[in-house]
Amino acid sequence: MGDRSTLQAVALIFGALYLVAGIVGIFNHVILGIFQVNLLQTMVHVVIGIAGLAAASSLANARTFCRVAGVILLLLGLIGFGVANPFGLMYIGGADIALHLGTGAVLAYFGFAAPVSTRSA
Protein backbone atom coordinates (compact mmCIF):
# COMPACT_ATOMS: atom_id res chain seq x y z
CA MET A 1 0.00 0.00 0.00
CA GLY A 2 3.02 2.26 -0.22
CA ASP A 3 3.24 5.26 2.06
CA ARG A 4 -0.48 5.31 2.72
CA SER A 5 -1.60 6.44 6.16
CA THR A 6 -3.62 4.15 8.41
CA LEU A 7 -6.58 6.46 7.84
CA GLN A 8 -6.28 6.03 4.07
CA ALA A 9 -6.00 2.25 4.52
CA VAL A 10 -9.20 2.26 6.59
CA ALA A 11 -11.04 4.21 3.86
CA LEU A 12 -9.69 1.79 1.24
CA ILE A 13 -10.66 -1.33 3.20
CA PHE A 14 -14.14 -0.14 4.11
CA GLY A 15 -14.65 1.16 0.58
CA ALA A 16 -13.74 -2.24 -0.83
CA LEU A 17 -15.99 -4.05 1.66
CA TYR A 18 -18.99 -1.85 0.91
CA LEU A 19 -18.41 -2.12 -2.85
CA VAL A 20 -18.31 -5.92 -2.59
CA ALA A 21 -21.48 -5.86 -0.47
CA GLY A 22 -23.15 -3.72 -3.12
CA ILE A 23 -22.12 -6.04 -5.94
CA VAL A 24 -23.24 -9.12 -4.00
CA GLY A 25 -26.54 -7.35 -3.24
CA ILE A 26 -27.24 -7.07 -6.96
CA PHE A 27 -27.42 -10.86 -7.19
CA ASN A 28 -28.60 -11.82 -3.70
CA HIS A 29 -31.25 -10.08 -1.64
CA VAL A 30 -29.94 -11.64 1.56
CA ILE A 31 -26.20 -11.17 2.12
CA LEU A 32 -24.47 -13.91 4.14
CA GLY A 33 -27.91 -15.25 4.95
CA ILE A 34 -28.31 -12.46 7.52
CA PHE A 35 -28.63 -9.00 5.96
CA GLN A 36 -31.70 -8.21 3.85
CA VAL A 37 -31.01 -5.75 1.03
CA ASN A 38 -33.00 -4.19 -1.75
CA LEU A 39 -31.99 -2.18 -4.82
CA LEU A 40 -31.77 1.11 -2.89
CA GLN A 41 -29.48 -0.39 -0.23
CA THR A 42 -27.38 -2.03 -2.90
CA MET A 43 -26.89 1.29 -4.68
CA VAL A 44 -26.05 3.01 -1.38
CA HIS A 45 -23.45 0.32 -0.65
CA VAL A 46 -21.93 0.79 -4.11
CA VAL A 47 -21.77 4.57 -3.63
CA ILE A 48 -20.18 4.22 -0.18
CA GLY A 49 -17.71 1.73 -1.63
CA ILE A 50 -16.68 3.94 -4.53
CA ALA A 51 -16.44 6.95 -2.19
CA GLY A 52 -14.17 5.02 0.18
CA LEU A 53 -11.91 3.84 -2.63
CA ALA A 54 -11.68 7.37 -4.04
CA ALA A 55 -11.14 8.90 -0.60
CA ALA A 56 -8.11 6.70 0.00
CA SER A 57 -6.20 8.89 -2.46
CA SER A 58 -5.43 11.54 0.17
CA LEU A 59 -5.35 11.91 3.92
CA ALA A 60 -7.87 14.78 3.92
CA ASN A 61 -10.33 12.87 1.73
CA ALA A 62 -9.96 9.73 3.85
CA ARG A 63 -10.65 11.67 7.05
CA THR A 64 -13.73 13.31 5.51
CA PHE A 65 -15.00 9.95 4.24
CA CYS A 66 -14.55 8.32 7.64
CA ARG A 67 -16.34 11.19 9.39
CA VAL A 68 -19.29 11.41 7.01
CA ALA A 69 -19.79 7.68 6.48
CA GLY A 70 -19.23 7.00 10.20
CA VAL A 71 -21.86 9.49 11.34
CA ILE A 72 -24.39 8.33 8.72
CA LEU A 73 -23.92 4.66 9.63
CA LEU A 74 -24.20 5.42 13.35
CA LEU A 75 -27.43 7.31 12.72
CA LEU A 76 -28.82 4.43 10.63
CA GLY A 77 -27.99 2.03 13.44
CA LEU A 78 -29.77 4.20 15.98
CA ILE A 79 -32.79 4.67 13.71
CA GLY A 80 -32.97 0.89 13.26
CA PHE A 81 -33.72 0.50 16.98
CA GLY A 82 -36.96 2.46 16.57
CA VAL A 83 -37.99 1.85 12.98
CA ALA A 84 -36.79 -1.28 11.19
CA ASN A 85 -38.04 -0.17 7.76
CA PRO A 86 -38.30 3.64 7.58
CA PHE A 87 -40.81 4.79 4.97
CA GLY A 88 -40.75 1.27 3.52
CA LEU A 89 -37.52 2.14 1.68
CA MET A 90 -34.96 -0.20 3.24
CA TYR A 91 -34.67 -2.65 6.08
CA ILE A 92 -32.26 -1.44 8.79
CA GLY A 93 -33.42 -3.48 11.79
CA GLY A 94 -32.18 -6.72 13.31
CA ALA A 95 -28.59 -7.65 12.44
CA ASP A 96 -28.27 -4.45 10.39
CA ILE A 97 -28.31 -2.44 13.61
CA ALA A 98 -25.13 -4.06 14.91
CA LEU A 99 -23.47 -3.86 11.49
CA HIS A 100 -24.23 -0.15 11.09
CA LEU A 101 -23.27 0.72 14.66
CA GLY A 102 -20.06 -1.29 14.45
CA THR A 103 -18.85 0.01 11.09
CA GLY A 104 -20.04 3.50 11.94
CA ALA A 105 -18.13 3.48 15.22
CA VAL A 106 -14.91 2.30 13.56
CA LEU A 107 -15.16 4.87 10.78
CA ALA A 108 -16.09 7.68 13.18
CA TYR A 109 -13.16 6.79 15.43
CA PHE A 110 -10.73 7.01 12.54
CA GLY A 111 -12.39 10.15 11.22
CA PHE A 112 -12.50 12.08 14.47
CA ALA A 113 -10.14 10.60 17.06
CA ALA A 114 -7.42 8.37 15.63
CA PRO A 115 -3.90 9.74 15.41
CA VAL A 116 -2.51 9.93 11.89
CA SER A 117 0.29 7.50 11.15
CA THR A 118 1.96 6.55 7.90
CA ARG A 119 2.58 2.97 6.97
CA SER A 120 5.72 2.23 5.04
CA ALA A 121 6.02 -0.49 2.42
C-alpha atoms as a PDB file:
ATOM      1  CA  MET A   1       0.000   0.000   0.000  1.00  0.00           C
ATOM      2  CA  GLY A   2       3.016   2.261  -0.221  1.00  0.00           C
ATOM      3  CA  ASP A   3       3.235   5.256   2.059  1.00  0.00           C
ATOM      4  CA  ARG A   4      -0.484   5.315   2.716  1.00  0.00           C
ATOM      5  CA  SER A   5      -1.603   6.442   6.160  1.00  0.00           C
ATOM      6  CA  THR A   6      -3.620   4.149   8.407  1.00  0.00           C
ATOM      7  CA  LEU A   7      -6.582   6.455   7.838  1.00  0.00           C
ATOM      8  CA  GLN A   8      -6.278   6.027   4.073  1.00  0.00           C
ATOM      9  CA  ALA A   9      -5.999   2.253   4.520  1.00  0.00           C
ATOM     10  CA  VAL A  10      -9.202   2.257   6.586  1.00  0.00           C
ATOM     11  CA  ALA A  11     -11.037   4.206   3.859  1.00  0.00           C
ATOM     12  CA  LEU A  12      -9.695   1.794   1.238  1.00  0.00           C
ATOM     13  CA  ILE A  13     -10.657  -1.335   3.199  1.00  0.00           C
ATOM     14  CA  PHE A  14     -14.144  -0.136   4.110  1.00  0.00           C
ATOM     15  CA  GLY A  15     -14.650   1.163   0.582  1.00  0.00           C
ATOM     16  CA  ALA A  16     -13.741  -2.242  -0.829  1.00  0.00           C
ATOM     17  CA  LEU A  17     -15.994  -4.054   1.659  1.00  0.00           C
ATOM     18  CA  TYR A  18     -18.990  -1.848   0.914  1.00  0.00           C
ATOM     19  CA  LEU A  19     -18.412  -2.122  -2.846  1.00  0.00           C
ATOM     20  CA  VAL A  20     -18.308  -5.917  -2.595  1.00  0.00           C
ATOM     21  CA  ALA A  21     -21.485  -5.863  -0.465  1.00  0.00           C
ATOM     22  CA  GLY A  22     -23.148  -3.716  -3.124  1.00  0.00           C
ATOM     23  CA  ILE A  23     -22.120  -6.036  -5.942  1.00  0.00           C
ATOM     24  CA  VAL A  24     -23.243  -9.118  -4.000  1.00  0.00           C
ATOM     25  CA  GLY A  25     -26.536  -7.346  -3.241  1.00  0.00           C
ATOM     26  CA  ILE A  26     -27.244  -7.074  -6.965  1.00  0.00           C
ATOM     27  CA  PHE A  27     -27.416 -10.857  -7.188  1.00  0.00           C
ATOM     28  CA  ASN A  28     -28.600 -11.824  -3.697  1.00  0.00           C
ATOM     29  CA  HIS A  29     -31.248 -10.079  -1.643  1.00  0.00           C
ATOM     30  CA  VAL A  30     -29.943 -11.642   1.559  1.00  0.00           C
ATOM     31  CA  ILE A  31     -26.201 -11.165   2.117  1.00  0.00           C
ATOM     32  CA  LEU A  32     -24.467 -13.905   4.138  1.00  0.00           C
ATOM     33  CA  GLY A  33     -27.915 -15.250   4.948  1.00  0.00           C
ATOM     34  CA  ILE A  34     -28.308 -12.455   7.524  1.00  0.00           C
ATOM     35  CA  PHE A  35     -28.632  -9.000   5.956  1.00  0.00           C
ATOM     36  CA  GLN A  36     -31.701  -8.207   3.850  1.00  0.00           C
ATOM     37  CA  VAL A  37     -31.014  -5.753   1.026  1.00  0.00           C
ATOM     38  CA  ASN A  38     -33.000  -4.186  -1.753  1.00  0.00           C
ATOM     39  CA  LEU A  39     -31.992  -2.184  -4.817  1.00  0.00           C
ATOM     40  CA  LEU A  40     -31.773   1.108  -2.886  1.00  0.00           C
ATOM     41  CA  GLN A  41     -29.485  -0.385  -0.233  1.00  0.00           C
ATOM     42  CA  THR A  42     -27.376  -2.032  -2.904  1.00  0.00           C
ATOM     43  CA  MET A  43     -26.887   1.286  -4.685  1.00  0.00           C
ATOM     44  CA  VAL A  44     -26.048   3.014  -1.381  1.00  0.00           C
ATOM     45  CA  HIS A  45     -23.454   0.323  -0.647  1.00  0.00           C
ATOM     46  CA  VAL A  46     -21.929   0.787  -4.108  1.00  0.00           C
ATOM     47  CA  VAL A  47     -21.772   4.575  -3.634  1.00  0.00           C
ATOM     48  CA  ILE A  48     -20.177   4.224  -0.181  1.00  0.00           C
ATOM     49  CA  GLY A  49     -17.710   1.731  -1.629  1.00  0.00           C
ATOM     50  CA  ILE A  50     -16.685   3.944  -4.527  1.00  0.00           C
ATOM     51  CA  ALA A  51     -16.438   6.949  -2.189  1.00  0.00           C
ATOM     52  CA  GLY A  52     -14.174   5.020   0.182  1.00  0.00           C
ATOM     53  CA  LEU A  53     -11.909   3.842  -2.628  1.00  0.00           C
ATOM     54  CA  ALA A  54     -11.681   7.366  -4.041  1.00  0.00           C
ATOM     55  CA  ALA A  55     -11.136   8.900  -0.597  1.00  0.00           C
ATOM     56  CA  ALA A  56      -8.111   6.696  -0.001  1.00  0.00           C
ATOM     57  CA  SER A  57      -6.202   8.890  -2.464  1.00  0.00           C
ATOM     58  CA  SER A  58      -5.429  11.542   0.165  1.00  0.00           C
ATOM     59  CA  LEU A  59      -5.352  11.910   3.920  1.00  0.00           C
ATOM     60  CA  ALA A  60      -7.873  14.783   3.923  1.00  0.00           C
ATOM     61  CA  ASN A  61     -10.325  12.866   1.731  1.00  0.00           C
ATOM     62  CA  ALA A  62      -9.963   9.732   3.848  1.00  0.00           C
ATOM     63  CA  ARG A  63     -10.647  11.672   7.050  1.00  0.00           C
ATOM     64  CA  THR A  64     -13.733  13.306   5.512  1.00  0.00           C
ATOM     65  CA  PHE A  65     -15.002   9.948   4.240  1.00  0.00           C
ATOM     66  CA  CYS A  66     -14.548   8.323   7.642  1.00  0.00           C
ATOM     67  CA  ARG A  67     -16.335  11.195   9.386  1.00  0.00           C
ATOM     68  CA  VAL A  68     -19.295  11.411   7.012  1.00  0.00           C
ATOM     69  CA  ALA A  69     -19.794   7.676   6.485  1.00  0.00           C
ATOM     70  CA  GLY A  70     -19.235   7.000  10.199  1.00  0.00           C
ATOM     71  CA  VAL A  71     -21.858   9.486  11.338  1.00  0.00           C
ATOM     72  CA  ILE A  72     -24.393   8.326   8.721  1.00  0.00           C
ATOM     73  CA  LEU A  73     -23.919   4.664   9.627  1.00  0.00           C
ATOM     74  CA  LEU A  74     -24.198   5.416  13.349  1.00  0.00           C
ATOM     75  CA  LEU A  75     -27.433   7.308  12.718  1.00  0.00           C
ATOM     76  CA  LEU A  76     -28.817   4.431  10.626  1.00  0.00           C
ATOM     77  CA  GLY A  77     -27.986   2.025  13.439  1.00  0.00           C
ATOM     78  CA  LEU A  78     -29.772   4.196  15.976  1.00  0.00           C
ATOM     79  CA  ILE A  79     -32.793   4.673  13.709  1.00  0.00           C
ATOM     80  CA  GLY A  80     -32.966   0.895  13.264  1.00  0.00           C
ATOM     81  CA  PHE A  81     -33.723   0.503  16.981  1.00  0.00           C
ATOM     82  CA  GLY A  82     -36.964   2.460  16.574  1.00  0.00           C
ATOM     83  CA  VAL A  83     -37.993   1.853  12.977  1.00  0.00           C
ATOM     84  CA  ALA A  84     -36.792  -1.278  11.195  1.00  0.00           C
ATOM     85  CA  ASN A  85     -38.042  -0.171   7.763  1.00  0.00           C
ATOM     86  CA  PRO A  86     -38.301   3.642   7.583  1.00  0.00           C
ATOM     87  CA  PHE A  87     -40.812   4.791   4.972  1.00  0.00           C
ATOM     88  CA  GLY A  88     -40.751   1.269   3.515  1.00  0.00           C
ATOM     89  CA  LEU A  89     -37.520   2.142   1.679  1.00  0.00           C
ATOM     90  CA  MET A  90     -34.959  -0.196   3.243  1.00  0.00           C
ATOM     91  CA  TYR A  91     -34.668  -2.650   6.083  1.00  0.00           C
ATOM     92  CA  ILE A  92     -32.257  -1.443   8.795  1.00  0.00           C
ATOM     93  CA  GLY A  93     -33.422  -3.478  11.788  1.00  0.00           C
ATOM     94  CA  GLY A  94     -32.184  -6.724  13.306  1.00  0.00           C
ATOM     95  CA  ALA A  95     -28.591  -7.648  12.440  1.00  0.00           C
ATOM     96  CA  ASP A  96     -28.269  -4.453  10.390  1.00  0.00           C
ATOM     97  CA  ILE A  97     -28.311  -2.436  13.607  1.00  0.00           C
ATOM     98  CA  ALA A  98     -25.128  -4.060  14.913  1.00  0.00           C
ATOM     99  CA  LEU A  99     -23.466  -3.856  11.494  1.00  0.00           C
ATOM    100  CA  HIS A 100     -24.234  -0.146  11.086  1.00  0.00           C
ATOM    101  CA  LEU A 101     -23.274   0.719  14.656  1.00  0.00           C
ATOM    102  CA  GLY A 102     -20.059  -1.291  14.448  1.00  0.00           C
ATOM    103  CA  THR A 103     -18.846   0.007  11.092  1.00  0.00           C
ATOM    104  CA  GLY A 104     -20.039   3.502  11.935  1.00  0.00           C
ATOM    105  CA  ALA A 105     -18.133   3.484  15.221  1.00  0.00           C
ATOM    106  CA  VAL A 106     -14.909   2.304  13.561  1.00  0.00           C
ATOM    107  CA  LEU A 107     -15.158   4.872  10.782  1.00  0.00           C
ATOM    108  CA  ALA A 108     -16.091   7.682  13.184  1.00  0.00           C
ATOM    109  CA  TYR A 109     -13.161   6.787  15.430  1.00  0.00           C
ATOM    110  CA  PHE A 110     -10.730   7.011  12.540  1.00  0.00           C
ATOM    111  CA  GLY A 111     -12.391  10.147  11.217  1.00  0.00           C
ATOM    112  CA  PHE A 112     -12.497  12.078  14.472  1.00  0.00           C
ATOM    113  CA  ALA A 113     -10.138  10.601  17.063  1.00  0.00           C
ATOM    114  CA  ALA A 114      -7.419   8.370  15.633  1.00  0.00           C
ATOM    115  CA  PRO A 115      -3.899   9.739  15.406  1.00  0.00           C
ATOM    116  CA  VAL A 116      -2.508   9.927  11.893  1.00  0.00           C
ATOM    117  CA  SER A 117       0.293   7.503  11.148  1.00  0.00           C
ATOM    118  CA  THR A 118       1.959   6.554   7.905  1.00  0.00           C
ATOM    119  CA  ARG A 119       2.584   2.967   6.975  1.00  0.00           C
ATOM    120  CA  SER A 120       5.718   2.228   5.038  1.00  0.00           C
ATOM    121  CA  ALA A 121       6.019  -0.491   2.423  1.00  0.00           C
END
